[in-house]
């Protein structure tokens, strides 16, 4: 995925990554995710035990973790 980005964008992400690492900083808003319950296939949807969580978070923290 990252190899498809432009060189300018990758350079910006690299600068951000270096700054955050140098200052031991990780944005508080990046630590939050939206959790969506998704029903398991072939299970009764009325039982809460038959759901699995899917976490939706921002793309930038995912890129930061990947680097």
PDB file of N, CA and C in Angstrom:
ATOM      1  N   UNK A   1       0.825  -1.181   0.000  1.00  0.00           N
ATOM      2  CA  UNK A   1       0.000   0.000   0.000  1.00  0.00           C
ATOM      3  C   UNK A   1       0.876   1.254   0.000  1.00  0.00           C
ATOM      4  N   UNK A   2       1.879   1.301   0.855  1.00  0.00           N
ATOM      5  CA  UNK A   2       2.720   2.491   0.957  1.00  0.00           C
ATOM      6  C   UNK A   2       3.507   2.722  -0.322  1.00  0.00           C
ATOM      7  N   UNK A   3       3.877   1.666  -1.016  1.00  0.00           N
ATOM      8  CA  UNK A   3       4.661   1.836  -2.239  1.00  0.00           C
ATOM      9  C   UNK A   3       3.868   2.538  -3.338  1.00  0.00           C
ATOM     10  N   UNK A   4       2.539   2.600  -3.213  1.00  0.00           N
ATOM     11  CA  UNK A   4       1.701   3.272  -4.203  1.00  0.00           C
ATOM     12  C   UNK A   4       1.570   4.773  -3.944  1.00  0.00           C
ATOM     13  N   UNK A   5       2.046   5.264  -2.795  1.00  0.00           N
ATOM     14  CA  UNK A   5       1.961   6.682  -2.477  1.00  0.00           C
ATOM     15  C   UNK A   5       3.040   7.460  -3.220  1.00  0.00           C
ATOM     16  N   UNK A   6       2.802   8.750  -3.374  1.00  0.00           N
ATOM     17  CA  UNK A   6       3.806   9.603  -4.012  1.00  0.00           C
ATOM     18  C   UNK A   6       5.004   9.781  -3.079  1.00  0.00           C
ATOM     19  N   UNK A   7       6.133  10.126  -3.656  1.00  0.00           N
ATOM     20  CA  UNK A   7       7.360  10.326  -2.885  1.00  0.00           C
ATOM     21  C   UNK A   7       7.197  11.456  -1.876  1.00  0.00           C
ATOM     22  N   UNK A   8       6.489  12.502  -2.267  1.00  0.00           N
ATOM     23  CA  UNK A   8       6.273  13.645  -1.378  1.00  0.00           C
ATOM     24  C   UNK A   8       5.462  13.232  -0.151  1.00  0.00           C
ATOM     25  N   UNK A   9       4.433  12.417  -0.359  1.00  0.00           N
ATOM     26  CA  UNK A   9       3.604  11.963   0.759  1.00  0.00           C
ATOM     27  C   UNK A   9       4.409  11.061   1.692  1.00  0.00           C
ATOM     28  N   UNK A  10       5.180  10.156   1.124  1.00  0.00           N
ATOM     29  CA  UNK A  10       5.994   9.246   1.935  1.00  0.00           C
ATOM     30  C   UNK A  10       7.024  10.032   2.738  1.00  0.00           C
ATOM     31  N   UNK A  11       7.604  11.057   2.148  1.00  0.00           N
ATOM     32  CA  UNK A  11       8.562  11.907   2.864  1.00  0.00           C
ATOM     33  C   UNK A  11       7.897  12.613   4.037  1.00  0.00           C
ATOM     34  N   UNK A  12       6.679  13.083   3.840  1.00  0.00           N
ATOM     35  CA  UNK A  12       5.939  13.747   4.918  1.00  0.00           C
ATOM     36  C   UNK A  12       5.636  12.775   6.050  1.00  0.00           C
ATOM     37  N   UNK A  13       5.228  11.575   5.696  1.00  0.00           N
ATOM     38  CA  UNK A  13       4.945  10.552   6.703  1.00  0.00           C
ATOM     39  C   UNK A  13       6.226  10.191   7.455  1.00  0.00           C
ATOM     40  N   UNK A  14       7.330  10.120   6.740  1.00  0.00           N
ATOM     41  CA  UNK A  14       8.612   9.801   7.372  1.00  0.00           C
ATOM     42  C   UNK A  14       9.016  10.893   8.367  1.00  0.00           C
ATOM     43  N   UNK A  15       8.834  12.156   7.995  1.00  0.00           N
ATOM     44  CA  UNK A  15       9.132  13.261   8.910  1.00  0.00           C
ATOM     45  C   UNK A  15       8.255  13.191  10.156  1.00  0.00           C
ATOM     46  N   UNK A  16       6.976  12.934   9.955  1.00  0.00           N
ATOM     47  CA  UNK A  16       6.050  12.809  11.077  1.00  0.00           C
ATOM     48  C   UNK A  16       6.459  11.650  11.980  1.00  0.00           C
ATOM     49  N   UNK A  17       6.790  10.527  11.388  1.00  0.00           N
ATOM     50  CA  UNK A  17       7.209   9.351  12.139  1.00  0.00           C
ATOM     51  C   UNK A  17       8.465   9.643  12.959  1.00  0.00           C
ATOM     52  N   UNK A  18       9.448  10.287  12.341  1.00  0.00           N
ATOM     53  CA  UNK A  18      10.687  10.615  13.046  1.00  0.00           C
ATOM     54  C   UNK A  18      10.443  11.581  14.200  1.00  0.00           C
ATOM     55  N   UNK A  19       9.602  12.574  13.972  1.00  0.00           N
ATOM     56  CA  UNK A  19       9.278  13.540  15.023  1.00  0.00           C
ATOM     57  C   UNK A  19       8.592  12.856  16.199  1.00  0.00           C
ATOM     58  N   UNK A  20       7.611  12.018  15.892  1.00  0.00           N
ATOM     59  CA  UNK A  20       6.864  11.337  16.950  1.00  0.00           C
ATOM     60  C   UNK A  20       7.757  10.375  17.726  1.00  0.00           C
ATOM     61  N   UNK A  21       8.638   9.690  17.043  1.00  0.00           N
ATOM     62  CA  UNK A  21       9.554   8.767  17.717  1.00  0.00           C
ATOM     63  C   UNK A  21      10.554   9.520  18.588  1.00  0.00           C
ATOM     64  N   UNK A  22      11.076  10.610  18.071  1.00  0.00           N
ATOM     65  CA  UNK A  22      12.057  11.407  18.795  1.00  0.00           C
ATOM     66  C   UNK A  22      11.471  11.981  20.080  1.00  0.00           C
ATOM     67  N   UNK A  23      10.213  12.423  20.018  1.00  0.00           N
ATOM     68  CA  UNK A  23       9.570  13.065  21.164  1.00  0.00           C
ATOM     69  C   UNK A  23       8.659  12.120  21.951  1.00  0.00           C
ATOM     70  N   UNK A  24       8.690  10.826  21.615  1.00  0.00           N
ATOM     71  CA  UNK A  24       7.855   9.820  22.306  1.00  0.00           C
ATOM     72  C   UNK A  24       6.397  10.270  22.355  1.00  0.00           C
ATOM     73  N   UNK A  25       5.898  10.707  21.224  1.00  0.00           N
ATOM     74  CA  UNK A  25       4.538  11.241  21.140  1.00  0.00           C
ATOM     75  C   UNK A  25       3.673  10.348  20.268  1.00  0.00           C
ATOM     76  N   UNK A  26       2.462  10.083  20.757  1.00  0.00           N
ATOM     77  CA  UNK A  26       1.458   9.376  19.982  1.00  0.00           C
ATOM     78  C   UNK A  26       0.130  10.047  20.285  1.00  0.00           C
ATOM     79  N   UNK A  27      -0.502  10.610  19.286  1.00  0.00           N
ATOM     80  CA  UNK A  27      -1.720  11.397  19.466  1.00  0.00           C
ATOM     81  C   UNK A  27      -2.792  10.613  20.224  1.00  0.00           C
ATOM     82  N   UNK A  28      -3.409  11.283  21.172  1.00  0.00           N
ATOM     83  CA  UNK A  28      -4.468  10.644  21.966  1.00  0.00           C
ATOM     84  C   UNK A  28      -5.634  10.207  21.078  1.00  0.00           C
ATOM     85  N   UNK A  29      -5.941  10.996  20.070  1.00  0.00           N
ATOM     86  CA  UNK A  29      -7.064  10.648  19.188  1.00  0.00           C
ATOM     87  C   UNK A  29      -6.774   9.397  18.360  1.00  0.00           C
ATOM     88  N   UNK A  30      -5.492   9.071  18.165  1.00  0.00           N
ATOM     89  CA  UNK A  30      -5.133   7.884  17.398  1.00  0.00           C
ATOM     90  C   UNK A  30      -5.340   6.607  18.200  1.00  0.00           C
ATOM     91  N   UNK A  31      -5.528   6.733  19.494  1.00  0.00           N
ATOM     92  CA  UNK A  31      -5.693   5.560  20.357  1.00  0.00           C
ATOM     93  C   UNK A  31      -7.141   5.079  20.411  1.00  0.00           C
ATOM     94  N   UNK A  32      -8.023   5.778  19.731  1.00  0.00           N
ATOM     95  CA  UNK A  32      -9.442   5.441  19.763  1.00  0.00           C
ATOM     96  C   UNK A  32      -9.876   4.800  18.450  1.00  0.00           C
ATOM     97  N   UNK A  33     -10.831   3.897  18.567  1.00  0.00           N
ATOM     98  CA  UNK A  33     -11.379   3.236  17.383  1.00  0.00           C
ATOM     99  C   UNK A  33     -12.879   3.063  17.580  1.00  0.00           C
ATOM    100  N   UNK A  34     -13.580   2.984  16.496  1.00  0.00           N
ATOM    101  CA  UNK A  34     -15.007   2.715  16.518  1.00  0.00           C
ATOM    102  C   UNK A  34     -15.184   1.209  16.378  1.00  0.00           C
ATOM    103  N   UNK A  35     -15.845   0.589  17.359  1.00  0.00           N
ATOM    104  CA  UNK A  35     -16.036  -0.862  17.342  1.00  0.00           C
ATOM    105  C   UNK A  35     -17.442  -1.161  16.829  1.00  0.00           C
ATOM    106  N   UNK A  36     -17.509  -1.941  15.757  1.00  0.00           N
ATOM    107  CA  UNK A  36     -18.771  -2.311  15.124  1.00  0.00           C
ATOM    108  C   UNK A  36     -19.002  -3.805  15.346  1.00  0.00           C
ATOM    109  N   UNK A  37     -20.148  -4.189  15.921  1.00  0.00           N
ATOM    110  CA  UNK A  37     -20.435  -5.620  16.056  1.00  0.00           C
ATOM    111  C   UNK A  37     -20.933  -6.190  14.721  1.00  0.00           C
ATOM    112  N   UNK A  38     -20.332  -7.279  14.294  1.00  0.00           N
ATOM    113  CA  UNK A  38     -20.703  -7.930  13.040  1.00  0.00           C
ATOM    114  C   UNK A  38     -21.189  -9.336  13.372  1.00  0.00           C
ATOM    115  N   UNK A  39     -22.381  -9.711  12.894  1.00  0.00           N
ATOM    116  CA  UNK A  39     -22.893 -11.046  13.230  1.00  0.00           C
ATOM    117  C   UNK A  39     -22.078 -12.153  12.565  1.00  0.00           C
ATOM    118  N   UNK A  40     -21.879 -13.239  13.312  1.00  0.00           N
ATOM    119  CA  UNK A  40     -21.227 -14.420  12.749  1.00  0.00           C
ATOM    120  C   UNK A  40     -22.178 -15.088  11.767  1.00  0.00           C
ATOM    121  N   UNK A  41     -21.633 -15.628  10.698  1.00  0.00           N
ATOM    122  CA  UNK A  41     -22.457 -16.285   9.688  1.00  0.00           C
ATOM    123  C   UNK A  41     -23.097 -17.549  10.249  1.00  0.00           C
ATOM    124  N   UNK A  42     -24.350 -17.752   9.919  1.00  0.00           N
ATOM    125  CA  UNK A  42     -25.054 -18.959  10.318  1.00  0.00           C
ATOM    126  C   UNK A  42     -25.447 -18.994  11.779  1.00  0.00           C
ATOM    127  N   UNK A  43     -25.367 -17.875  12.479  1.00  0.00           N
ATOM    128  CA  UNK A  43     -25.718 -17.823  13.896  1.00  0.00           C
ATOM    129  C   UNK A  43     -26.972 -16.977  14.085  1.00  0.00           C
ATOM    130  N   UNK A  44     -27.641 -17.199  15.198  1.00  0.00           N
ATOM    131  CA  UNK A  44     -28.834 -16.430  15.544  1.00  0.00           C
ATOM    132  C   UNK A  44     -28.418 -14.998  15.894  1.00  0.00           C
ATOM    133  N   UNK A  45     -29.008 -14.012  15.218  1.00  0.00           N
ATOM    134  CA  UNK A  45     -28.615 -12.617  15.415  1.00  0.00           C
ATOM    135  C   UNK A  45     -29.195 -12.002  16.686  1.00  0.00           C
ATOM    136  N   UNK A  46     -30.105 -12.691  17.345  1.00  0.00           N
ATOM    137  CA  UNK A  46     -30.698 -12.143  18.562  1.00  0.00           C
ATOM    138  C   UNK A  46     -29.815 -12.375  19.790  1.00  0.00           C
ATOM    139  N   UNK A  47     -28.803 -13.239  19.676  1.00  0.00           N
ATOM    140  CA  UNK A  47     -27.899 -13.532  20.789  1.00  0.00           C
ATOM    141  C   UNK A  47     -26.626 -12.689  20.647  1.00  0.00           C
ATOM    142  N   UNK A  48     -26.325 -11.825  21.633  1.00  0.00           N
ATOM    143  CA  UNK A  48     -25.126 -10.980  21.547  1.00  0.00           C
ATOM    144  C   UNK A  48     -23.815 -11.772  21.477  1.00  0.00           C
ATOM    145  N   UNK A  49     -23.811 -13.011  21.941  1.00  0.00           N
ATOM    146  CA  UNK A  49     -22.607 -13.848  21.891  1.00  0.00           C
ATOM    147  C   UNK A  49     -22.235 -14.227  20.460  1.00  0.00           C
ATOM    148  N   UNK A  50     -23.164 -14.078  19.534  1.00  0.00           N
ATOM    149  CA  UNK A  50     -22.944 -14.480  18.147  1.00  0.00           C
ATOM    150  C   UNK A  50     -22.442 -13.332  17.267  1.00  0.00           C
ATOM    151  N   UNK A  51     -21.841 -12.338  17.884  1.00  0.00           N
ATOM    152  CA  UNK A  51     -21.281 -11.204  17.152  1.00  0.00           C
ATOM    153  C   UNK A  51     -19.779 -11.121  17.410  1.00  0.00           C
ATOM    154  N   UNK A  52     -19.051 -10.626  16.426  1.00  0.00           N
ATOM    155  CA  UNK A  52     -17.614 -10.402  16.594  1.00  0.00           C
ATOM    156  C   UNK A  52     -17.335  -8.921  16.372  1.00  0.00           C
ATOM    157  N   UNK A  53     -16.340  -8.377  17.080  1.00  0.00           N
ATOM    158  CA  UNK A  53     -16.056  -6.940  16.941  1.00  0.00           C
ATOM    159  C   UNK A  53     -15.122  -6.652  15.762  1.00  0.00           C
ATOM    160  N   UNK A  54     -15.413  -5.572  15.071  1.00  0.00           N
ATOM    161  CA  UNK A  54     -14.537  -5.038  14.031  1.00  0.00           C
ATOM    162  C   UNK A  54     -14.186  -3.617  14.470  1.00  0.00           C
ATOM    163  N   UNK A  55     -12.898  -3.309  14.550  1.00  0.00           N
ATOM    164  CA  UNK A  55     -12.455  -1.977  14.972  1.00  0.00           C
ATOM    165  C   UNK A  55     -12.104  -1.136  13.754  1.00  0.00           C
ATOM    166  N   UNK A  56     -12.696   0.044  13.679  1.00  0.00           N
ATOM    167  CA  UNK A  56     -12.401   0.995  12.610  1.00  0.00           C
ATOM    168  C   UNK A  56     -11.589   2.134  13.207  1.00  0.00           C
ATOM    169  N   UNK A  57     -10.407   2.341  12.676  1.00  0.00           N
ATOM    170  CA  UNK A  57      -9.563   3.429  13.162  1.00  0.00           C
ATOM    171  C   UNK A  57      -9.035   4.228  11.975  1.00  0.00           C
ATOM    172  N   UNK A  58      -8.406   5.333  12.289  1.00  0.00           N
ATOM    173  CA  UNK A  58      -7.858   6.210  11.259  1.00  0.00           C
ATOM    174  C   UNK A  58      -6.740   5.514  10.489  1.00  0.00           C
ATOM    175  N   UNK A  59      -6.534   5.908   9.261  1.00  0.00           N
ATOM    176  CA  UNK A  59      -5.489   5.305   8.422  1.00  0.00           C
ATOM    177  C   UNK A  59      -4.085   5.724   8.828  1.00  0.00           C
ATOM    178  N   UNK A  60      -3.916   6.952   9.283  1.00  0.00           N
ATOM    179  CA  UNK A  60      -2.582   7.439   9.619  1.00  0.00           C
ATOM    180  C   UNK A  60      -1.929   6.640  10.752  1.00  0.00           C
ATOM    181  N   UNK A  61      -2.644   6.307  11.826  1.00  0.00           N
ATOM    182  CA  UNK A  61      -2.012   5.463  12.849  1.00  0.00           C
ATOM    183  C   UNK A  61      -1.637   4.079  12.327  1.00  0.00           C
ATOM    184  N   UNK A  62      -2.418   3.552  11.411  1.00  0.00           N
ATOM    185  CA  UNK A  62      -2.094   2.244  10.830  1.00  0.00           C
ATOM    186  C   UNK A  62      -0.789   2.320  10.044  1.00  0.00           C
ATOM    187  N   UNK A  63      -0.616   3.413   9.298  1.00  0.00           N
ATOM    188  CA  UNK A  63       0.626   3.603   8.543  1.00  0.00           C
ATOM    189  C   UNK A  63       1.793   3.768   9.514  1.00  0.00           C
ATOM    190  N   UNK A  64       1.579   4.542  10.577  1.00  0.00           N
ATOM    191  CA  UNK A  64       2.622   4.755  11.579  1.00  0.00           C
ATOM    192  C   UNK A  64       3.040   3.431  12.216  1.00  0.00           C
ATOM    193  N   UNK A  65       2.076   2.584  12.567  1.00  0.00           N
ATOM    194  CA  UNK A  65       2.382   1.284  13.165  1.00  0.00           C
ATOM    195  C   UNK A  65       3.097   0.381  12.169  1.00  0.00           C
ATOM    196  N   UNK A  66       2.753   0.493  10.898  1.00  0.00           N
ATOM    197  CA  UNK A  66       3.374  -0.332   9.866  1.00  0.00           C
ATOM    198  C   UNK A  66       4.852   0.012   9.696  1.00  0.00           C
ATOM    199  N   UNK A  67       5.153   1.302   9.788  1.00  0.00           N
ATOM    200  CA  UNK A  67       6.532   1.761   9.603  1.00  0.00           C
ATOM    201  C   UNK A  67       7.345   1.320  10.795  1.00  0.00           C
TER     202      UNK A  67
END
